[in-house]
Amino acid sequence: MDDIKHIIDRALEKIKSADFAALEDIKIRYLGKNGVLTQILKSLSQYSIEDKKIIGPEANRAKDIIVNEIEKRKKDLRKVLLDEKMQKEKLDYSPSFYFPFSEGSFHPVVQTIKNISSVFKSLGFRVVEGPEIETDWYNFEALNIPESHPSRDTQDTFYIEGMKNLLRTHTSPVQIHVMEKQSPPVKVIVPGRVYRNEASDASHSSTFHQIEGFEVDENISFVDLKAVLINFIHKFFGSELGVRFRPSHFQFTEPSAEVDIQCFFCKGRGCRICKNSGWIETLGCGIVHPDVLKAVNYDSEKYTGYAFGIGVERITMLKYGIDDIRLLYENDLRFLKQF
């Protein structure tokens, strides 16, 4: 018994500092065909039955201990070798003047969202995001859009889960989410992706982006809306451009308007981009309908507000002179690198 214990101690001492070659020698010395422990097991026939019951299990236990320690040592050695290899092959991720690839950049749509958001944040707006999967209540009913309205038709809206939910058709539902959680004053913009069930062509896509903006407080009027939007347009497109508001109709605002800017390609003289009108349609806006305020339990006698919606792809195409919306989503680096 003492001999086997000494064998284990000597083997473990050698294993501690052994390399791969030495470990193989140790394995052969103690566990090989003519190894120390193998010889002990072969000699069991010389012992009494009582001694065999003691020596046999102890010798096998010693073999297991030595095998396990050899494997542990090999694992440690492999880790050391891997660490050394990784240090030698360590990549330098720091920017280099000689790096052969061009730096990445923002997609033009993302860049437009960032730029628009930056302008409105400078005007005191807070940026909020909301869910892309909505209920009928948030997408339509709370926004004063009746069941008979054509936008509710399955030909225009992507319904899911047995018509219970839908992919939002605009970012306006976030108005409701925000106002349900916050009392006036509220001043928010909402960038996000929206979905329409329509065929893709040069100016339409089933998936695109909008930026919704709205403010609700006491004594808000159309004058405040005009001031904010003219300020935005001049900061984003240039202060030299003219701006005009045309009467329009939206279910969730009353009165409503379309906002045009003087064509920045021809400076109002008329060209192909503005269809020779001198003006480019930019966004829709209006005073928040009292029924929308009532839907979120705002006192429509005390509070008023305005809202506006910007088509991000349209603004991007105008700003960069892109004539086909599909170019924005083909992921052609030759095109995207221009921006």
C-alpha atoms as a PDB file:
ATOM      1  CA  MET A   1       0.000   0.000   0.000  1.00  0.00           C
ATOM      2  CA  ASP A   2       2.796   2.397   0.925  1.00  0.00           C
ATOM      3  CA  ASP A   3       4.587   1.490  -2.314  1.00  0.00           C
ATOM      4  CA  ILE A   4       1.522   2.422  -4.382  1.00  0.00           C
ATOM      5  CA  LYS A   5       1.153   5.718  -2.491  1.00  0.00           C
ATOM      6  CA  HIS A   6       4.811   6.539  -3.166  1.00  0.00           C
ATOM      7  CA  ILE A   7       4.332   5.634  -6.837  1.00  0.00           C
ATOM      8  CA  ILE A   8       1.413   8.099  -7.068  1.00  0.00           C
ATOM      9  CA  ASP A   9       3.373  10.857  -5.303  1.00  0.00           C
ATOM     10  CA  ARG A  10       6.424  10.448  -7.565  1.00  0.00           C
ATOM     11  CA  ALA A  11       4.285  10.383 -10.718  1.00  0.00           C
ATOM     12  CA  LEU A  12       2.327  13.495  -9.740  1.00  0.00           C
ATOM     13  CA  GLU A  13       5.523  15.368  -8.910  1.00  0.00           C
ATOM     14  CA  LYS A  14       6.926  14.620 -12.374  1.00  0.00           C
ATOM     15  CA  ILE A  15       3.637  15.509 -14.111  1.00  0.00           C
ATOM     16  CA  LYS A  16       3.601  19.021 -12.595  1.00  0.00           C
ATOM     17  CA  SER A  17       6.543  20.243 -14.694  1.00  0.00           C
ATOM     18  CA  ALA A  18       6.346  17.868 -17.661  1.00  0.00           C
ATOM     19  CA  ASP A  19       5.956  18.920 -21.286  1.00  0.00           C
ATOM     20  CA  PHE A  20       4.079  16.834 -23.864  1.00  0.00           C
ATOM     21  CA  ALA A  21       7.037  14.518 -24.532  1.00  0.00           C
ATOM     22  CA  ALA A  22       7.723  14.010 -20.824  1.00  0.00           C
ATOM     23  CA  LEU A  23       4.051  13.249 -20.205  1.00  0.00           C
ATOM     24  CA  GLU A  24       4.212  10.495 -22.788  1.00  0.00           C
ATOM     25  CA  ASP A  25       7.285   9.049 -21.059  1.00  0.00           C
ATOM     26  CA  ILE A  26       5.514   9.165 -17.688  1.00  0.00           C
ATOM     27  CA  LYS A  27       2.500   7.427 -19.140  1.00  0.00           C
ATOM     28  CA  ILE A  28       4.671   4.645 -20.541  1.00  0.00           C
ATOM     29  CA  ARG A  29       6.729   4.371 -17.332  1.00  0.00           C
ATOM     30  CA  TYR A  30       3.717   3.928 -15.069  1.00  0.00           C
ATOM     31  CA  LEU A  31       0.891   2.709 -17.296  1.00  0.00           C
ATOM     32  CA  GLY A  32       2.560   1.075 -20.295  1.00  0.00           C
ATOM     33  CA  LYS A  33       2.802  -2.644 -21.048  1.00  0.00           C
ATOM     34  CA  ASN A  34       5.815  -2.898 -18.787  1.00  0.00           C
ATOM     35  CA  GLY A  35       4.875   0.055 -16.590  1.00  0.00           C
ATOM     36  CA  VAL A  36       5.224   0.101 -12.822  1.00  0.00           C
ATOM     37  CA  LEU A  37       1.509  -0.198 -12.059  1.00  0.00           C
ATOM     38  CA  THR A  38       0.958  -2.692 -14.855  1.00  0.00           C
ATOM     39  CA  GLN A  39       3.622  -4.937 -13.318  1.00  0.00           C
ATOM     40  CA  ILE A  40       1.964  -4.693  -9.906  1.00  0.00           C
ATOM     41  CA  LEU A  41      -1.358  -5.804 -11.404  1.00  0.00           C
ATOM     42  CA  LYS A  42       0.347  -8.648 -13.273  1.00  0.00           C
ATOM     43  CA  SER A  43       1.940  -9.853 -10.034  1.00  0.00           C
ATOM     44  CA  LEU A  44      -1.342 -10.100  -8.116  1.00  0.00           C
ATOM     45  CA  SER A  45      -1.296 -13.888  -8.517  1.00  0.00           C
ATOM     46  CA  GLN A  46       1.574 -13.988  -6.018  1.00  0.00           C
ATOM     47  CA  TYR A  47      -0.568 -12.478  -3.248  1.00  0.00           C
ATOM     48  CA  SER A  48      -3.191 -13.912  -0.980  1.00  0.00           C
ATOM     49  CA  ILE A  49      -6.871 -13.329  -1.700  1.00  0.00           C
ATOM     50  CA  GLU A  50      -7.053 -10.766   1.091  1.00  0.00           C
ATOM     51  CA  ASP A  51      -4.050  -8.829  -0.284  1.00  0.00           C
ATOM     52  CA  LYS A  52      -5.422  -9.019  -3.834  1.00  0.00           C
ATOM     53  CA  LYS A  53      -8.633  -7.329  -2.636  1.00  0.00           C
ATOM     54  CA  ILE A  54      -6.567  -4.445  -1.326  1.00  0.00           C
ATOM     55  CA  ILE A  55      -3.696  -4.125  -3.806  1.00  0.00           C
ATOM     56  CA  GLY A  56      -5.794  -4.554  -7.017  1.00  0.00           C
ATOM     57  CA  PRO A  57      -8.251  -1.693  -6.388  1.00  0.00           C
ATOM     58  CA  GLU A  58      -5.455   0.567  -5.092  1.00  0.00           C
ATOM     59  CA  ALA A  59      -3.350  -0.043  -8.203  1.00  0.00           C
ATOM     60  CA  ASN A  60      -6.328   0.683 -10.476  1.00  0.00           C
ATOM     61  CA  ARG A  61      -7.115   3.807  -8.472  1.00  0.00           C
ATOM     62  CA  ALA A  62      -3.495   4.900  -8.901  1.00  0.00           C
ATOM     63  CA  LYS A  63      -3.781   4.390 -12.677  1.00  0.00           C
ATOM     64  CA  ASP A  64      -6.934   6.541 -12.772  1.00  0.00           C
ATOM     65  CA  ILE A  65      -5.267   9.307 -10.741  1.00  0.00           C
ATOM     66  CA  ILE A  66      -2.195   9.376 -12.988  1.00  0.00           C
ATOM     67  CA  VAL A  67      -4.282   9.301 -16.206  1.00  0.00           C
ATOM     68  CA  ASN A  68      -6.460  12.187 -14.964  1.00  0.00           C
ATOM     69  CA  GLU A  69      -3.461  14.269 -13.910  1.00  0.00           C
ATOM     70  CA  ILE A  70      -1.741  13.685 -17.252  1.00  0.00           C
ATOM     71  CA  GLU A  71      -4.881  14.873 -19.090  1.00  0.00           C
ATOM     72  CA  LYS A  72      -5.164  17.941 -16.849  1.00  0.00           C
ATOM     73  CA  ARG A  73      -1.517  18.791 -17.518  1.00  0.00           C
ATOM     74  CA  LYS A  74      -2.042  18.370 -21.266  1.00  0.00           C
ATOM     75  CA  LYS A  75      -5.048  20.686 -21.103  1.00  0.00           C
ATOM     76  CA  ASP A  76      -2.988  23.318 -19.273  1.00  0.00           C
ATOM     77  CA  LEU A  77      -0.181  23.005 -21.807  1.00  0.00           C
ATOM     78  CA  ARG A  78      -2.614  23.398 -24.711  1.00  0.00           C
ATOM     79  CA  LYS A  79      -4.005  26.564 -23.127  1.00  0.00           C
ATOM     80  CA  VAL A  80      -0.506  27.990 -22.715  1.00  0.00           C
ATOM     81  CA  LEU A  81       0.321  27.206 -26.333  1.00  0.00           C
ATOM     82  CA  LEU A  82      -2.954  28.743 -27.528  1.00  0.00           C
ATOM     83  CA  ASP A  83      -2.345  31.915 -25.504  1.00  0.00           C
ATOM     84  CA  GLU A  84       1.158  32.205 -26.941  1.00  0.00           C
ATOM     85  CA  LYS A  85      -0.177  31.672 -30.450  1.00  0.00           C
ATOM     86  CA  MET A  86      -2.897  34.281 -29.985  1.00  0.00           C
ATOM     87  CA  GLN A  87      -0.369  36.784 -28.688  1.00  0.00           C
ATOM     88  CA  LYS A  88       1.825  36.225 -31.721  1.00  0.00           C
ATOM     89  CA  GLU A  89      -1.121  36.463 -34.110  1.00  0.00           C
ATOM     90  CA  LYS A  90      -2.897  39.298 -32.294  1.00  0.00           C
ATOM     91  CA  LEU A  91      -4.617  41.604 -34.758  1.00  0.00           C
ATOM     92  CA  ASP A  92      -4.276  45.350 -34.532  1.00  0.00           C
ATOM     93  CA  TYR A  93      -7.786  46.776 -34.785  1.00  0.00           C
ATOM     94  CA  SER A  94      -6.729  50.375 -34.404  1.00  0.00           C
ATOM     95  CA  PRO A  95      -7.303  52.650 -37.419  1.00  0.00           C
ATOM     96  CA  SER A  96      -4.342  52.742 -39.744  1.00  0.00           C
ATOM     97  CA  PHE A  97      -3.448  55.045 -42.577  1.00  0.00           C
ATOM     98  CA  TYR A  98      -2.400  52.008 -44.551  1.00  0.00           C
ATOM     99  CA  PHE A  99      -5.546  49.960 -43.861  1.00  0.00           C
ATOM    100  CA  PRO A 100      -6.585  48.715 -47.305  1.00  0.00           C
ATOM    101  CA  PHE A 101     -10.367  48.986 -46.824  1.00  0.00           C
ATOM    102  CA  SER A 102     -12.464  52.140 -46.767  1.00  0.00           C
ATOM    103  CA  GLU A 103     -14.169  53.167 -43.538  1.00  0.00           C
ATOM    104  CA  GLY A 104     -17.836  52.328 -43.095  1.00  0.00           C
ATOM    105  CA  SER A 105     -20.584  54.934 -43.240  1.00  0.00           C
ATOM    106  CA  PHE A 106     -24.248  55.327 -42.395  1.00  0.00           C
ATOM    107  CA  HIS A 107     -26.876  54.246 -44.901  1.00  0.00           C
ATOM    108  CA  PRO A 108     -28.431  57.400 -46.442  1.00  0.00           C
ATOM    109  CA  VAL A 109     -31.805  56.643 -44.815  1.00  0.00           C
ATOM    110  CA  VAL A 110     -30.183  56.234 -41.388  1.00  0.00           C
ATOM    111  CA  GLN A 111     -28.173  59.410 -41.939  1.00  0.00           C
ATOM    112  CA  THR A 112     -31.344  61.304 -42.836  1.00  0.00           C
ATOM    113  CA  ILE A 113     -33.096  60.055 -39.679  1.00  0.00           C
ATOM    114  CA  LYS A 114     -30.104  61.127 -37.568  1.00  0.00           C
ATOM    115  CA  ASN A 115     -29.976  64.567 -39.207  1.00  0.00           C
ATOM    116  CA  ILE A 116     -33.724  65.199 -38.905  1.00  0.00           C
ATOM    117  CA  SER A 117     -33.708  64.012 -35.277  1.00  0.00           C
ATOM    118  CA  SER A 118     -30.779  66.288 -34.517  1.00  0.00           C
ATOM    119  CA  VAL A 119     -32.656  69.336 -35.827  1.00  0.00           C
ATOM    120  CA  PHE A 120     -35.788  68.576 -33.824  1.00  0.00           C
ATOM    121  CA  LYS A 121     -33.811  67.810 -30.667  1.00  0.00           C
ATOM    122  CA  SER A 122     -32.300  71.287 -30.996  1.00  0.00           C
ATOM    123  CA  LEU A 123     -35.894  72.586 -31.020  1.00  0.00           C
ATOM    124  CA  GLY A 124     -36.694  70.851 -27.725  1.00  0.00           C
ATOM    125  CA  PHE A 125     -38.227  67.597 -28.978  1.00  0.00           C
ATOM    126  CA  ARG A 126     -37.631  64.245 -27.305  1.00  0.00           C
ATOM    127  CA  VAL A 127     -36.992  61.142 -29.456  1.00  0.00           C
ATOM    128  CA  VAL A 128     -39.257  58.148 -28.712  1.00  0.00           C
ATOM    129  CA  GLU A 129     -39.712  54.778 -30.417  1.00  0.00           C
ATOM    130  CA  GLY A 130     -42.703  52.444 -30.420  1.00  0.00           C
ATOM    131  CA  PRO A 131     -43.834  48.941 -31.459  1.00  0.00           C
ATOM    132  CA  GLU A 132     -44.050  48.009 -35.139  1.00  0.00           C
ATOM    133  CA  ILE A 133     -46.830  45.476 -34.442  1.00  0.00           C
ATOM    134  CA  GLU A 134     -49.964  47.325 -33.353  1.00  0.00           C
ATOM    135  CA  THR A 135     -53.612  46.749 -32.520  1.00  0.00           C
ATOM    136  CA  ASP A 136     -56.499  48.279 -34.446  1.00  0.00           C
ATOM    137  CA  TRP A 137     -57.085  50.629 -31.525  1.00  0.00           C
ATOM    138  CA  TYR A 138     -53.671  52.290 -31.637  1.00  0.00           C
ATOM    139  CA  ASN A 139     -53.245  52.293 -35.413  1.00  0.00           C
ATOM    140  CA  PHE A 140     -56.756  53.428 -36.365  1.00  0.00           C
ATOM    141  CA  GLU A 141     -59.497  53.886 -33.790  1.00  0.00           C
ATOM    142  CA  ALA A 142     -57.665  56.112 -31.300  1.00  0.00           C
ATOM    143  CA  LEU A 143     -56.515  58.269 -34.225  1.00  0.00           C
ATOM    144  CA  ASN A 144     -60.086  58.989 -35.326  1.00  0.00           C
ATOM    145  CA  ILE A 145     -59.921  56.674 -38.357  1.00  0.00           C
ATOM    146  CA  PRO A 146     -63.368  55.034 -38.746  1.00  0.00           C
ATOM    147  CA  GLU A 147     -64.009  51.445 -39.783  1.00  0.00           C
ATOM    148  CA  SER A 148     -65.177  52.604 -43.210  1.00  0.00           C
ATOM    149  CA  HIS A 149     -61.878  54.338 -43.972  1.00  0.00           C
ATOM    150  CA  PRO A 150     -60.063  52.748 -46.977  1.00  0.00           C
ATOM    151  CA  SER A 151     -56.743  52.524 -45.099  1.00  0.00           C
ATOM    152  CA  ARG A 152     -58.271  49.768 -42.937  1.00  0.00           C
ATOM    153  CA  ASP A 153     -58.772  47.539 -45.973  1.00  0.00           C
ATOM    154  CA  THR A 154     -56.598  44.423 -46.242  1.00  0.00           C
ATOM    155  CA  GLN A 155     -55.469  45.721 -49.631  1.00  0.00           C
ATOM    156  CA  ASP A 156     -53.678  48.569 -47.838  1.00  0.00           C
ATOM    157  CA  THR A 157     -52.746  47.071 -44.444  1.00  0.00           C
ATOM    158  CA  PHE A 158     -50.821  43.948 -43.412  1.00  0.00           C
ATOM    159  CA  TYR A 159     -53.006  42.164 -40.847  1.00  0.00           C
ATOM    160  CA  ILE A 160     -51.614  39.326 -38.721  1.00  0.00           C
ATOM    161  CA  GLU A 161     -52.842  36.804 -36.151  1.00  0.00           C
ATOM    162  CA  GLY A 162     -56.388  36.497 -37.449  1.00  0.00           C
ATOM    163  CA  MET A 163     -56.901  40.246 -37.985  1.00  0.00           C
ATOM    164  CA  LYS A 164     -56.299  41.006 -34.277  1.00  0.00           C
ATOM    165  CA  ASN A 165     -52.983  42.755 -34.866  1.00  0.00           C
ATOM    166  CA  LEU A 166     -51.333  44.508 -37.780  1.00  0.00           C
ATOM    167  CA  LEU A 167     -48.061  45.990 -38.973  1.00  0.00           C
ATOM    168  CA  ARG A 168     -48.360  49.702 -38.264  1.00  0.00           C
ATOM    169  CA  THR A 169     -49.133  51.787 -41.335  1.00  0.00           C
ATOM    170  CA  HIS A 170     -47.687  54.982 -39.843  1.00  0.00           C
ATOM    171  CA  THR A 171     -45.763  56.121 -36.771  1.00  0.00           C
ATOM    172  CA  SER A 172     -48.797  58.044 -35.447  1.00  0.00           C
ATOM    173  CA  PRO A 173     -49.828  55.239 -33.015  1.00  0.00           C
ATOM    174  CA  VAL A 174     -46.860  56.202 -30.862  1.00  0.00           C
ATOM    175  CA  GLN A 175     -48.689  59.489 -30.203  1.00  0.00           C
ATOM    176  CA  ILE A 176     -51.306  57.465 -28.338  1.00  0.00           C
ATOM    177  CA  HIS A 177     -48.761  55.362 -26.435  1.00  0.00           C
ATOM    178  CA  VAL A 178     -46.917  58.486 -25.277  1.00  0.00           C
ATOM    179  CA  MET A 179     -50.015  60.465 -24.295  1.00  0.00           C
ATOM    180  CA  GLU A 180     -51.449  57.492 -22.374  1.00  0.00           C
ATOM    181  CA  LYS A 181     -48.340  57.507 -20.178  1.00  0.00           C
ATOM    182  CA  GLN A 182     -47.624  61.234 -19.931  1.00  0.00           C
ATOM    183  CA  SER A 183     -49.659  64.285 -19.076  1.00  0.00           C
ATOM    184  CA  PRO A 184     -49.158  67.524 -21.041  1.00  0.00           C
ATOM    185  CA  PRO A 185     -46.902  69.201 -21.951  1.00  0.00           C
ATOM    186  CA  VAL A 186     -45.698  66.642 -24.511  1.00  0.00           C
ATOM    187  CA  LYS A 187     -43.159  67.371 -27.254  1.00  0.00           C
ATOM    188  CA  VAL A 188     -41.925  64.287 -29.091  1.00  0.00           C
ATOM    189  CA  ILE A 189     -40.660  62.973 -32.429  1.00  0.00           C
ATOM    190  CA  VAL A 190     -40.985  59.316 -33.409  1.00  0.00           C
ATOM    191  CA  PRO A 191     -38.695  57.848 -36.089  1.00  0.00           C
ATOM    192  CA  GLY A 192     -39.526  54.332 -37.240  1.00  0.00           C
ATOM    193  CA  ARG A 193     -40.339  51.762 -39.892  1.00  0.00           C
ATOM    194  CA  VAL A 194     -43.870  51.444 -41.274  1.00  0.00           C
ATOM    195  CA  TYR A 195     -45.631  49.050 -43.639  1.00  0.00           C
ATOM    196  CA  ARG A 196     -48.165  49.378 -46.454  1.00  0.00           C
ATOM    197  CA  ASN A 197     -49.632  46.596 -48.565  1.00  0.00           C
ATOM    198  CA  GLU A 198     -48.699  48.067 -51.929  1.00  0.00           C
ATOM    199  CA  ALA A 199     -46.576  47.125 -54.915  1.00  0.00           C
ATOM    200  CA  SER A 200     -43.021  48.426 -55.109  1.00  0.00           C
ATOM    201  CA  ASP A 201     -42.063  50.833 -57.870  1.00  0.00           C
ATOM    202  CA  ALA A 202     -39.743  53.810 -58.306  1.00  0.00           C
ATOM    203  CA  SER A 203     -41.609  55.888 -55.704  1.00  0.00           C
ATOM    204  CA  HIS A 204     -43.391  53.293 -53.519  1.00  0.00           C
ATOM    205  CA  SER A 205     -42.296  50.497 -51.199  1.00  0.00           C
ATOM    206  CA  SER A 206     -44.151  48.127 -48.886  1.00  0.00           C
ATOM    207  CA  THR A 207     -41.680  49.037 -46.130  1.00  0.00           C
ATOM    208  CA  PHE A 208     -40.399  52.546 -45.494  1.00  0.00           C
ATOM    209  CA  HIS A 209     -39.655  55.019 -42.692  1.00  0.00           C
ATOM    210  CA  GLN A 210     -41.499  57.955 -41.187  1.00  0.00           C
ATOM    211  CA  ILE A 211     -40.797  60.533 -38.523  1.00  0.00           C
ATOM    212  CA  GLU A 212     -43.860  61.562 -36.564  1.00  0.00           C
ATOM    213  CA  GLY A 213     -43.730  64.729 -34.506  1.00  0.00           C
ATOM    214  CA  PHE A 214     -46.252  66.261 -32.140  1.00  0.00           C
ATOM    215  CA  GLU A 215     -46.638  68.740 -29.310  1.00  0.00           C
ATOM    216  CA  VAL A 216     -49.551  69.070 -26.901  1.00  0.00           C
ATOM    217  CA  ASP A 217     -49.891  71.848 -24.335  1.00  0.00           C
ATOM    218  CA  GLU A 218     -52.115  74.769 -23.425  1.00  0.00           C
ATOM    219  CA  ASN A 219     -52.600  77.449 -26.083  1.00  0.00           C
ATOM    220  CA  ILE A 220     -50.889  75.566 -28.932  1.00  0.00           C
ATOM    221  CA  SER A 221     -51.983  76.914 -32.330  1.00  0.00           C
ATOM    222  CA  PHE A 222     -51.245  76.613 -36.039  1.00  0.00           C
ATOM    223  CA  VAL A 223     -48.784  79.470 -35.600  1.00  0.00           C
ATOM    224  CA  ASP A 224     -46.626  77.228 -33.397  1.00  0.00           C
ATOM    225  CA  LEU A 225     -46.799  74.439 -35.978  1.00  0.00           C
ATOM    226  CA  LYS A 226     -45.726  76.761 -38.805  1.00  0.00           C
ATOM    227  CA  ALA A 227     -42.869  78.177 -36.754  1.00  0.00           C
ATOM    228  CA  VAL A 228     -41.493  74.717 -35.918  1.00  0.00           C
ATOM    229  CA  LEU A 229     -41.745  73.348 -39.469  1.00  0.00           C
ATOM    230  CA  ILE A 230     -40.315  76.442 -41.165  1.00  0.00           C
ATOM    231  CA  ASN A 231     -37.451  76.360 -38.664  1.00  0.00           C
ATOM    232  CA  PHE A 232     -36.845  72.665 -39.432  1.00  0.00           C
ATOM    233  CA  ILE A 233     -36.965  73.131 -43.214  1.00  0.00           C
ATOM    234  CA  HIS A 234     -34.553  76.057 -43.162  1.00  0.00           C
ATOM    235  CA  LYS A 235     -32.106  74.188 -40.923  1.00  0.00           C
ATOM    236  CA  PHE A 236     -32.322  70.978 -42.946  1.00  0.00           C
ATOM    237  CA  PHE A 237     -32.610  72.221 -46.536  1.00  0.00           C
ATOM    238  CA  GLY A 238     -31.315  75.797 -46.343  1.00  0.00           C
ATOM    239  CA  SER A 239     -32.687  79.134 -45.179  1.00  0.00           C
ATOM    240  CA  GLU A 240     -32.935  80.551 -48.697  1.00  0.00           C
ATOM    241  CA  LEU A 241     -35.823  78.251 -49.695  1.00  0.00           C
ATOM    242  CA  GLY A 242     -39.434  79.359 -49.676  1.00  0.00           C
ATOM    243  CA  VAL A 243     -42.072  77.379 -47.745  1.00  0.00           C
ATOM    244  CA  ARG A 244     -45.820  77.181 -48.350  1.00  0.00           C
ATOM    245  CA  PHE A 245     -48.730  75.481 -46.573  1.00  0.00           C
ATOM    246  CA  ARG A 246     -51.665  74.079 -48.607  1.00  0.00           C
ATOM    247  CA  PRO A 247     -55.007  72.976 -47.102  1.00  0.00           C
ATOM    248  CA  SER A 248     -55.396  69.195 -46.943  1.00  0.00           C
ATOM    249  CA  HIS A 249     -57.247  66.498 -45.006  1.00  0.00           C
ATOM    250  CA  PHE A 250     -56.082  63.915 -42.460  1.00  0.00           C
ATOM    251  CA  GLN A 251     -58.390  62.024 -40.097  1.00  0.00           C
ATOM    252  CA  PHE A 252     -56.362  62.788 -36.979  1.00  0.00           C
ATOM    253  CA  THR A 253     -55.767  66.520 -37.540  1.00  0.00           C
ATOM    254  CA  GLU A 254     -58.165  69.425 -38.153  1.00  0.00           C
ATOM    255  CA  PRO A 255     -57.313  71.745 -39.825  1.00  0.00           C
ATOM    256  CA  SER A 256     -54.717  69.879 -41.890  1.00  0.00           C
ATOM    257  CA  ALA A 257     -52.099  70.990 -44.395  1.00  0.00           C
ATOM    258  CA  GLU A 258     -49.468  69.803 -46.848  1.00  0.00           C
ATOM    259  CA  VAL A 259     -46.117  71.579 -46.680  1.00  0.00           C
ATOM    260  CA  ASP A 260     -44.188  72.354 -49.861  1.00  0.00           C
ATOM    261  CA  ILE A 261     -40.699  73.746 -50.167  1.00  0.00           C
ATOM    262  CA  GLN A 262     -39.289  75.714 -53.043  1.00  0.00           C
ATOM    263  CA  CYS A 263     -37.453  73.306 -55.349  1.00  0.00           C
ATOM    264  CA  PHE A 264     -33.792  73.390 -54.339  1.00  0.00           C
ATOM    265  CA  PHE A 265     -32.706  71.997 -57.696  1.00  0.00           C
ATOM    266  CA  CYS A 266     -34.114  74.819 -59.831  1.00  0.00           C
ATOM    267  CA  LYS A 267     -34.687  77.425 -57.071  1.00  0.00           C
ATOM    268  CA  GLY A 268     -38.364  77.654 -58.000  1.00  0.00           C
ATOM    269  CA  ARG A 269     -37.941  78.157 -61.745  1.00  0.00           C
ATOM    270  CA  GLY A 270     -39.376  74.740 -62.638  1.00  0.00           C
ATOM    271  CA  CYS A 271     -37.584  71.497 -63.546  1.00  0.00           C
ATOM    272  CA  ARG A 272     -38.059  67.745 -63.961  1.00  0.00           C
ATOM    273  CA  ILE A 273     -37.743  67.104 -60.215  1.00  0.00           C
ATOM    274  CA  CYS A 274     -40.558  69.494 -59.245  1.00  0.00           C
ATOM    275  CA  LYS A 275     -42.573  68.731 -62.410  1.00  0.00           C
ATOM    276  CA  ASN A 276     -42.076  72.347 -63.510  1.00  0.00           C
ATOM    277  CA  SER A 277     -44.122  73.656 -60.576  1.00  0.00           C
ATOM    278  CA  GLY A 278     -41.209  75.172 -58.673  1.00  0.00           C
ATOM    279  CA  TRP A 279     -42.414  73.419 -55.486  1.00  0.00           C
ATOM    280  CA  ILE A 280     -41.802  70.012 -53.863  1.00  0.00           C
ATOM    281  CA  GLU A 281     -44.296  68.338 -51.518  1.00  0.00           C
ATOM    282  CA  THR A 282     -42.451  67.584 -48.276  1.00  0.00           C
ATOM    283  CA  LEU A 283     -44.727  66.571 -45.391  1.00  0.00           C
ATOM    284  CA  GLY A 284     -48.222  66.565 -43.923  1.00  0.00           C
ATOM    285  CA  CYS A 285     -49.328  68.279 -40.730  1.00  0.00           C
ATOM    286  CA  GLY A 286     -52.206  69.766 -38.776  1.00  0.00           C
ATOM    287  CA  ILE A 287     -53.796  70.541 -35.436  1.00  0.00           C
ATOM    288  CA  VAL A 288     -54.479  67.385 -33.403  1.00  0.00           C
ATOM    289  CA  HIS A 289     -58.159  66.435 -33.684  1.00  0.00           C
ATOM    290  CA  PRO A 290     -60.077  66.839 -30.385  1.00  0.00           C
ATOM    291  CA  ASP A 291     -61.276  63.213 -30.646  1.00  0.00           C
ATOM    292  CA  VAL A 292     -57.648  62.036 -30.540  1.00  0.00           C
ATOM    293  CA  LEU A 293     -57.100  63.992 -27.324  1.00  0.00           C
ATOM    294  CA  LYS A 294     -60.292  62.546 -25.857  1.00  0.00           C
ATOM    295  CA  ALA A 295     -59.112  59.004 -26.696  1.00  0.00           C
ATOM    296  CA  VAL A 296     -56.205  59.450 -24.251  1.00  0.00           C
ATOM    297  CA  ASN A 297     -58.322  61.295 -21.653  1.00  0.00           C
ATOM    298  CA  TYR A 298     -56.802  64.706 -22.340  1.00  0.00           C
ATOM    299  CA  ASP A 299     -59.105  67.668 -21.737  1.00  0.00           C
ATOM    300  CA  SER A 300     -59.654  68.897 -25.315  1.00  0.00           C
ATOM    301  CA  GLU A 301     -61.085  72.167 -23.974  1.00  0.00           C
ATOM    302  CA  LYS A 302     -57.870  72.891 -22.086  1.00  0.00           C
ATOM    303  CA  TYR A 303     -55.201  71.375 -24.328  1.00  0.00           C
ATOM    304  CA  THR A 304     -54.451  71.655 -28.023  1.00  0.00           C
ATOM    305  CA  GLY A 305     -51.620  70.331 -30.116  1.00  0.00           C
ATOM    306  CA  TYR A 306     -50.141  69.890 -33.551  1.00  0.00           C
ATOM    307  CA  ALA A 307     -48.725  66.873 -35.369  1.00  0.00           C
ATOM    308  CA  PHE A 308     -46.697  66.284 -38.519  1.00  0.00           C
ATOM    309  CA  GLY A 309     -45.410  63.312 -40.469  1.00  0.00           C
ATOM    310  CA  ILE A 310     -42.271  63.170 -42.606  1.00  0.00           C
ATOM    311  CA  GLY A 311     -41.531  60.464 -45.171  1.00  0.00           C
ATOM    312  CA  VAL A 312     -37.845  59.722 -44.591  1.00  0.00           C
ATOM    313  CA  GLU A 313     -37.185  58.012 -47.923  1.00  0.00           C
ATOM    314  CA  ARG A 314     -38.826  60.904 -49.774  1.00  0.00           C
ATOM    315  CA  ILE A 315     -36.661  63.445 -47.954  1.00  0.00           C
ATOM    316  CA  THR A 316     -33.575  61.291 -48.589  1.00  0.00           C
ATOM    317  CA  MET A 317     -34.351  61.038 -52.296  1.00  0.00           C
ATOM    318  CA  LEU A 318     -34.918  64.782 -52.545  1.00  0.00           C
ATOM    319  CA  LYS A 319     -31.783  65.681 -50.626  1.00  0.00           C
ATOM    320  CA  TYR A 320     -29.497  63.384 -52.620  1.00  0.00           C
ATOM    321  CA  GLY A 321     -31.239  63.524 -56.002  1.00  0.00           C
ATOM    322  CA  ILE A 322     -32.218  59.820 -56.022  1.00  0.00           C
ATOM    323  CA  ASP A 323     -34.974  59.013 -58.521  1.00  0.00           C
ATOM    324  CA  ASP A 324     -35.822  55.409 -57.515  1.00  0.00           C
ATOM    325  CA  ILE A 325     -36.627  54.340 -53.934  1.00  0.00           C
ATOM    326  CA  ARG A 326     -35.604  50.763 -54.735  1.00  0.00           C
ATOM    327  CA  LEU A 327     -31.963  51.863 -54.998  1.00  0.00           C
ATOM    328  CA  LEU A 328     -31.992  52.486 -51.243  1.00  0.00           C
ATOM    329  CA  TYR A 329     -32.640  48.808 -50.479  1.00  0.00           C
ATOM    330  CA  GLU A 330     -30.642  46.889 -53.070  1.00  0.00           C
ATOM    331  CA  ASN A 331     -27.510  47.023 -50.860  1.00  0.00           C
ATOM    332  CA  ASP A 332     -25.317  47.866 -53.832  1.00  0.00           C
ATOM    333  CA  LEU A 333     -22.094  49.222 -52.322  1.00  0.00           C
ATOM    334  CA  ARG A 334     -21.276  51.062 -55.535  1.00  0.00           C
ATOM    335  CA  PHE A 335     -24.404  53.132 -54.930  1.00  0.00           C
ATOM    336  CA  LEU A 336     -24.210  53.416 -51.125  1.00  0.00           C
ATOM    337  CA  LYS A 337     -20.547  54.513 -51.119  1.00  0.00           C
ATOM    338  CA  GLN A 338     -21.605  57.782 -52.744  1.00  0.00           C
ATOM    339  CA  PHE A 339     -23.125  58.900 -49.459  1.00  0.00           C
END
